[in-house]
Amino acid sequence: MSRWIAFDRQSAAVLATAQIVPELHDAGDALGAALSSGKDTVVLLPAPAPGRALVARIRHVPVVVREQAPEVYEATGFLGLIDLPPAAQQPHPPKKWWQKLLD
């Protein structure tokens, strides 16, 4: 079910003629109320041209924050000018056949 909120008496009277009973908020801003509501909202605002209206649809999408481990690099080379991942994170090369026999 839709919830109708009017921010002035003139808009409330127009909605009442359409047999819609709005909540009347005398103070405030319709766009500010829609942005702070936390719910999906459709706002009807008066347009600069007479006889027209602006329709604004405001959607609140939940934000998913993924925590990523920071990338760690180890300074190597002459004067530490080459950045490589630490040796613990590098894959080990496959063992040769004779190393497998000795393990």
Protein backbone atom coordinates (compact mmCIF):
# COMPACT_ATOMS: atom_id res chain seq x y z
CA MET A 1 0.00 0.00 0.00
CA SER A 2 1.21 3.46 -0.84
CA ARG A 3 1.81 6.11 1.76
CA TRP A 4 1.05 9.67 0.65
CA ILE A 5 2.69 12.64 2.36
CA ALA A 6 1.90 16.24 1.49
CA PHE A 7 4.11 19.14 2.49
CA ASP A 8 1.58 21.92 1.90
CA ARG A 9 -2.16 22.30 2.29
CA GLN A 10 -2.79 22.90 -1.42
CA SER A 11 -1.28 19.51 -2.36
CA ALA A 12 -3.21 17.82 0.44
CA ALA A 13 -6.46 19.33 -0.89
CA VAL A 14 -5.72 18.06 -4.42
CA LEU A 15 -5.04 14.56 -3.10
CA ALA A 16 -8.23 14.67 -1.03
CA THR A 17 -10.27 15.32 -4.20
CA ALA A 18 -8.87 12.05 -5.57
CA GLN A 19 -10.06 10.30 -2.39
CA ILE A 20 -6.53 9.87 -1.09
CA VAL A 21 -5.92 10.79 2.53
CA PRO A 22 -2.34 12.08 2.84
CA GLU A 23 -0.27 12.72 5.92
CA LEU A 24 0.32 16.45 6.21
CA HIS A 25 3.80 17.69 7.15
CA ASP A 26 3.72 21.48 7.29
CA ALA A 27 7.45 21.88 7.75
CA GLY A 28 10.21 20.32 5.73
CA ASP A 29 11.23 19.53 2.21
CA ALA A 30 9.80 16.65 0.17
CA LEU A 31 13.10 15.78 -1.50
CA GLY A 32 15.03 15.95 1.79
CA ALA A 33 12.46 13.74 3.49
CA ALA A 34 12.69 11.18 0.68
CA LEU A 35 16.47 11.10 0.83
CA SER A 36 16.56 10.65 4.60
CA SER A 37 13.74 8.07 4.76
CA GLY A 38 15.93 5.06 3.93
CA LYS A 39 13.17 3.56 1.76
CA ASP A 40 12.49 3.56 -1.96
CA THR A 41 10.41 6.66 -2.70
CA VAL A 42 8.69 8.43 -5.58
CA VAL A 43 8.52 12.21 -5.19
CA LEU A 44 6.20 14.49 -7.17
CA LEU A 45 7.54 18.03 -7.34
CA PRO A 46 6.12 21.12 -9.06
CA ALA A 47 7.78 21.88 -12.39
CA PRO A 48 8.78 25.35 -13.59
CA ALA A 49 6.22 25.08 -16.41
CA PRO A 50 2.58 25.46 -15.33
CA GLY A 51 0.46 22.31 -15.45
CA ARG A 52 3.47 19.96 -15.25
CA ALA A 53 5.15 17.99 -12.49
CA LEU A 54 8.58 16.48 -11.94
CA VAL A 55 8.77 12.84 -10.91
CA ALA A 56 11.84 11.72 -8.97
CA ARG A 57 12.40 8.09 -8.08
CA ILE A 58 14.83 7.55 -5.21
CA ARG A 59 16.17 4.06 -4.60
CA HIS A 60 18.20 3.11 -1.55
CA VAL A 61 20.56 0.28 -2.46
CA PRO A 62 22.40 -1.48 0.34
CA VAL A 63 26.16 -1.09 0.08
CA VAL A 64 28.24 -4.24 0.32
CA VAL A 65 31.73 -3.60 1.66
CA ARG A 66 34.29 -6.28 1.05
CA GLU A 67 37.38 -6.22 3.16
CA GLN A 68 40.49 -7.08 1.21
CA ALA A 69 43.85 -7.93 2.65
CA PRO A 70 46.42 -5.26 1.82
CA GLU A 71 48.96 -6.20 -0.80
CA VAL A 72 52.39 -6.66 0.71
CA TYR A 73 55.56 -6.16 -1.31
CA GLU A 74 59.16 -6.75 -0.42
CA ALA A 75 61.86 -4.37 -1.67
CA THR A 76 64.60 -6.31 -3.47
CA GLY A 77 67.25 -5.64 -6.05
CA PHE A 78 69.82 -2.88 -6.26
CA LEU A 79 68.90 -0.18 -3.71
CA GLY A 80 65.53 -1.85 -3.21
CA LEU A 81 64.15 -0.63 -6.53
CA ILE A 82 62.36 -3.86 -7.48
CA ASP A 83 59.10 -4.64 -5.65
CA LEU A 84 58.19 -8.30 -5.52
CA PRO A 85 55.63 -10.20 -3.49
CA PRO A 86 57.26 -11.87 -0.49
CA ALA A 87 58.66 -15.34 -1.04
CA ALA A 88 56.07 -16.91 1.25
CA GLN A 89 53.31 -15.95 -1.15
CA GLN A 90 55.09 -17.05 -4.35
CA PRO A 91 54.19 -20.53 -5.60
CA HIS A 92 56.86 -23.18 -5.11
CA PRO A 93 58.32 -24.63 -8.32
CA PRO A 94 57.56 -28.33 -8.84
CA LYS A 95 60.16 -30.71 -7.46
CA LYS A 96 62.39 -32.67 -9.78
CA TRP A 97 62.11 -36.45 -9.81
CA TRP A 98 65.28 -36.99 -7.80
CA GLN A 99 64.15 -34.48 -5.11
CA LYS A 100 60.93 -36.42 -4.69
CA LEU A 101 62.95 -39.61 -4.09
CA LEU A 102 65.00 -37.98 -1.32
CA ASP A 103 61.97 -36.60 0.55
